Amino acid sequence: MSKAHRGKGIRELPTHGRGVCPVCKRSNVKVLYEQEVNGAKVKICKTCKAALKHGKAV
């Protein structure tokens, strides 16, 4: 069975959800995860979200 609707939510976002992560400053990565960083809610990449969750990033 095919997965026809996988990724439909990010296709509607500008540039398909890609941009510059404000934490690690990498460009052209998917910034989809909303997280509170320094008192402000920003969208960050998957690796930075995991690092913040495990206490490895500030």
C-alpha atoms as a PDB file:
ATOM      1  CA  MET A   1       0.000   0.000   0.000  1.00  0.00           C
ATOM      2  CA  SER A   2       1.428   3.393  -1.008  1.00  0.00           C
ATOM      3  CA  LYS A   3       1.941   6.344   1.315  1.00  0.00           C
ATOM      4  CA  ALA A   4       0.384   9.055  -0.863  1.00  0.00           C
ATOM      5  CA  HIS A   5      -0.127  11.639   1.876  1.00  0.00           C
ATOM      6  CA  ARG A   6       3.218  11.368   3.670  1.00  0.00           C
ATOM      7  CA  GLY A   7       4.786  14.814   4.037  1.00  0.00           C
ATOM      8  CA  LYS A   8       1.656  16.654   2.915  1.00  0.00           C
ATOM      9  CA  GLY A   9       1.864  19.102   5.829  1.00  0.00           C
ATOM     10  CA  ILE A  10       5.363  20.303   4.992  1.00  0.00           C
ATOM     11  CA  ARG A  11       4.635  20.654   1.293  1.00  0.00           C
ATOM     12  CA  GLU A  12       2.262  23.502   2.139  1.00  0.00           C
ATOM     13  CA  LEU A  13       4.923  25.424   4.115  1.00  0.00           C
ATOM     14  CA  PRO A  14       7.135  27.994   2.384  1.00  0.00           C
ATOM     15  CA  THR A  15      10.249  26.291   0.956  1.00  0.00           C
ATOM     16  CA  HIS A  16       8.788  22.978   2.178  1.00  0.00           C
ATOM     17  CA  GLY A  17       9.778  23.692   5.778  1.00  0.00           C
ATOM     18  CA  ARG A  18      13.460  24.278   5.069  1.00  0.00           C
ATOM     19  CA  GLY A  19      15.551  27.149   6.323  1.00  0.00           C
ATOM     20  CA  VAL A  20      18.356  28.107   8.711  1.00  0.00           C
ATOM     21  CA  CYS A  21      18.285  26.665  12.221  1.00  0.00           C
ATOM     22  CA  PRO A  22      18.718  29.500  14.746  1.00  0.00           C
ATOM     23  CA  VAL A  23      20.562  27.236  17.223  1.00  0.00           C
ATOM     24  CA  CYS A  24      23.206  25.473  15.102  1.00  0.00           C
ATOM     25  CA  LYS A  25      23.132  27.950  12.164  1.00  0.00           C
ATOM     26  CA  ARG A  26      22.993  25.164   9.566  1.00  0.00           C
ATOM     27  CA  SER A  27      21.291  26.170   6.342  1.00  0.00           C
ATOM     28  CA  ASN A  28      18.758  24.333   4.179  1.00  0.00           C
ATOM     29  CA  VAL A  29      17.650  21.938   6.931  1.00  0.00           C
ATOM     30  CA  LYS A  30      14.065  21.197   7.914  1.00  0.00           C
ATOM     31  CA  VAL A  31      13.120  23.558  10.736  1.00  0.00           C
ATOM     32  CA  LEU A  32       9.865  22.012  11.872  1.00  0.00           C
ATOM     33  CA  TYR A  33      10.116  21.649  15.647  1.00  0.00           C
ATOM     34  CA  GLU A  34       8.814  24.534  17.753  1.00  0.00           C
ATOM     35  CA  GLN A  35      10.875  24.950  20.924  1.00  0.00           C
ATOM     36  CA  GLU A  36      11.383  27.671  23.501  1.00  0.00           C
ATOM     37  CA  VAL A  37      14.967  28.983  23.313  1.00  0.00           C
ATOM     38  CA  ASN A  38      16.070  31.961  25.445  1.00  0.00           C
ATOM     39  CA  GLY A  39      12.469  32.810  26.273  1.00  0.00           C
ATOM     40  CA  ALA A  40      11.310  32.933  22.654  1.00  0.00           C
ATOM     41  CA  LYS A  41       9.495  30.241  20.679  1.00  0.00           C
ATOM     42  CA  VAL A  42      11.461  29.403  17.536  1.00  0.00           C
ATOM     43  CA  LYS A  43      11.448  26.562  15.037  1.00  0.00           C
ATOM     44  CA  ILE A  44      14.582  24.420  15.176  1.00  0.00           C
ATOM     45  CA  CYS A  45      15.971  21.349  13.393  1.00  0.00           C
ATOM     46  CA  LYS A  46      15.622  17.758  14.552  1.00  0.00           C
ATOM     47  CA  THR A  47      19.183  17.375  15.882  1.00  0.00           C
ATOM     48  CA  CYS A  48      18.979  20.553  17.965  1.00  0.00           C
ATOM     49  CA  LYS A  49      15.637  19.434  19.383  1.00  0.00           C
ATOM     50  CA  ALA A  50      17.192  16.147  20.490  1.00  0.00           C
ATOM     51  CA  ALA A  51      20.224  17.947  21.955  1.00  0.00           C
ATOM     52  CA  LEU A  52      18.000  20.297  23.959  1.00  0.00           C
ATOM     53  CA  LYS A  53      15.918  17.380  25.187  1.00  0.00           C
ATOM     54  CA  HIS A  54      18.972  15.504  26.459  1.00  0.00           C
ATOM     55  CA  GLY A  55      20.596  18.612  27.953  1.00  0.00           C
ATOM     56  CA  LYS A  56      23.550  18.714  25.563  1.00  0.00           C
ATOM     57  CA  ALA A  57      22.818  22.151  24.115  1.00  0.00           C
ATOM     58  CA  VAL A  58      22.115  25.434  25.844  1.00  0.00           C
END
